[in-house]
């Protein structure tokens, strides 16, 4: 019988499975604190309506992440409407 057979291992830390920090600290390496992004307006497209719709993307950097979806939806809707107008 081994000497370790009766050893209490309940105090041993559980191994970290995947996603651990490279230093073994247990904090996922994908977690990072990132400051506000500087979002520059896109280059002019040549269409005033498209340019106006795309210019709204520059405000995304000033908004909390949970508000980004509504901005992207507005831009998508505006671009879709512009394309629909071309078919009329």
Foldseek 3Di string as FASTA:
>chain_A
DDPCPPPDCPPPDDQADPQADPVRPRHGPPDDDDAQDQDDQDDDPPDPQLSVLSRLLRCLSVDPPVCNVVSVVSSVVSVVVVVVVVVD
